[in-house]
Amino acid sequence: MERVLTLVVEHTSARAQFGRAVGKFQAVQAMVADIAAEGALARAPPTPRYRSPRNTGSEARRPVSPSPGNVACGGSSPTA
């Protein structure tokens, strides 16, 4: 992926359109940034999305999703 990014940067710097290097156009810069971000993600070590309290010690917490019973309603209680 690093080689692809190098080639893309070289090409966008060398190629001209409308009298400017194509690398100067915002849309092309965004595409090159996307390629760089994908390359960084490909090199990054995987991270767990969920840690089991059994395997990681007492400091681990389970992800909590709000349910209707756990969500604050601005301090007012429902009336019947």
Protein backbone atom coordinates (compact mmCIF):
# COMPACT_ATOMS: atom_id res chain seq x y z
CA MET A 1 0.00 0.00 0.00
CA GLU A 2 2.94 2.30 0.69
CA ARG A 3 4.14 1.81 -2.87
CA VAL A 4 0.69 2.66 -4.25
CA LEU A 5 0.62 5.89 -2.26
CA THR A 6 4.10 6.81 -3.50
CA LEU A 7 3.09 6.20 -7.12
CA VAL A 8 -0.14 8.19 -6.72
CA VAL A 9 1.67 11.17 -5.20
CA GLU A 10 4.29 11.11 -7.97
CA HIS A 11 1.63 10.89 -10.66
CA THR A 12 -0.59 13.64 -9.25
CA SER A 13 2.44 15.91 -8.90
CA ALA A 14 3.66 15.31 -12.45
CA ARG A 15 0.37 15.28 -14.38
CA ALA A 16 -1.12 18.65 -15.34
CA GLN A 17 -4.69 19.54 -16.22
CA PHE A 18 -5.99 23.05 -16.95
CA GLY A 19 -2.46 24.36 -16.46
CA ARG A 20 -2.14 23.01 -12.90
CA ALA A 21 -0.82 19.79 -11.38
CA VAL A 22 -3.79 17.52 -10.70
CA GLY A 23 -2.54 17.12 -7.15
CA LYS A 24 -3.55 20.74 -6.51
CA PHE A 25 -7.25 19.97 -6.99
CA GLN A 26 -9.20 19.44 -3.78
CA ALA A 27 -11.04 16.34 -5.04
CA VAL A 28 -7.75 14.64 -5.96
CA GLN A 29 -6.25 15.60 -2.58
CA ALA A 30 -9.23 13.97 -0.86
CA MET A 31 -8.75 10.76 -2.85
CA VAL A 32 -5.03 10.66 -2.01
CA ALA A 33 -5.88 11.22 1.68
CA ASP A 34 -8.31 8.28 1.51
CA ILE A 35 -5.56 6.06 0.09
CA ALA A 36 -3.19 7.17 2.86
CA ALA A 37 -5.83 6.46 5.53
CA GLU A 38 -6.54 2.99 4.12
CA GLY A 39 -2.81 2.26 4.16
CA ALA A 40 -2.52 3.36 7.78
CA LEU A 41 -5.45 1.15 8.75
CA ALA A 42 -3.93 -1.79 6.90
CA ARG A 43 -0.68 -1.41 8.88
CA ALA A 44 -2.37 -0.89 12.26
CA PRO A 45 -2.56 -3.83 14.63
CA PRO A 46 -6.04 -5.22 15.15
CA THR A 47 -7.84 -4.01 18.26
CA PRO A 48 -10.49 -6.02 20.05
CA ARG A 49 -14.00 -4.59 19.98
CA TYR A 50 -15.01 -6.44 23.09
CA ARG A 51 -12.97 -7.50 26.10
CA SER A 52 -14.29 -10.28 28.22
CA PRO A 53 -14.04 -9.56 31.97
CA ARG A 54 -12.94 -13.18 32.44
CA ASN A 55 -9.86 -12.68 30.28
CA THR A 56 -8.68 -9.13 31.04
CA GLY A 57 -8.99 -8.66 34.79
CA SER A 58 -11.28 -6.69 37.06
CA GLU A 59 -10.70 -3.32 35.34
CA ALA A 60 -12.43 -4.44 32.14
CA ARG A 61 -15.92 -3.13 31.52
CA ARG A 62 -18.62 -4.50 29.29
CA PRO A 63 -20.01 -2.13 26.66
CA VAL A 64 -23.42 -0.87 27.77
CA SER A 65 -26.14 0.17 25.39
CA PRO A 66 -28.90 2.36 26.76
CA SER A 67 -32.27 0.76 27.21
CA PRO A 68 -35.52 2.64 27.92
CA GLY A 69 -35.13 1.89 31.63
CA ASN A 70 -31.57 3.31 31.78
CA VAL A 71 -32.05 6.58 29.90
CA ALA A 72 -32.59 9.83 31.81
CA CYS A 73 -35.64 11.79 30.67
CA GLY A 74 -34.57 15.30 31.61
CA GLY A 75 -35.55 14.99 35.27
CA SER A 76 -39.29 14.66 34.75
CA SER A 77 -41.20 11.54 35.55
CA PRO A 78 -43.95 10.22 33.27
CA THR A 79 -47.50 10.88 34.34
CA ALA A 80 -50.43 8.60 33.78
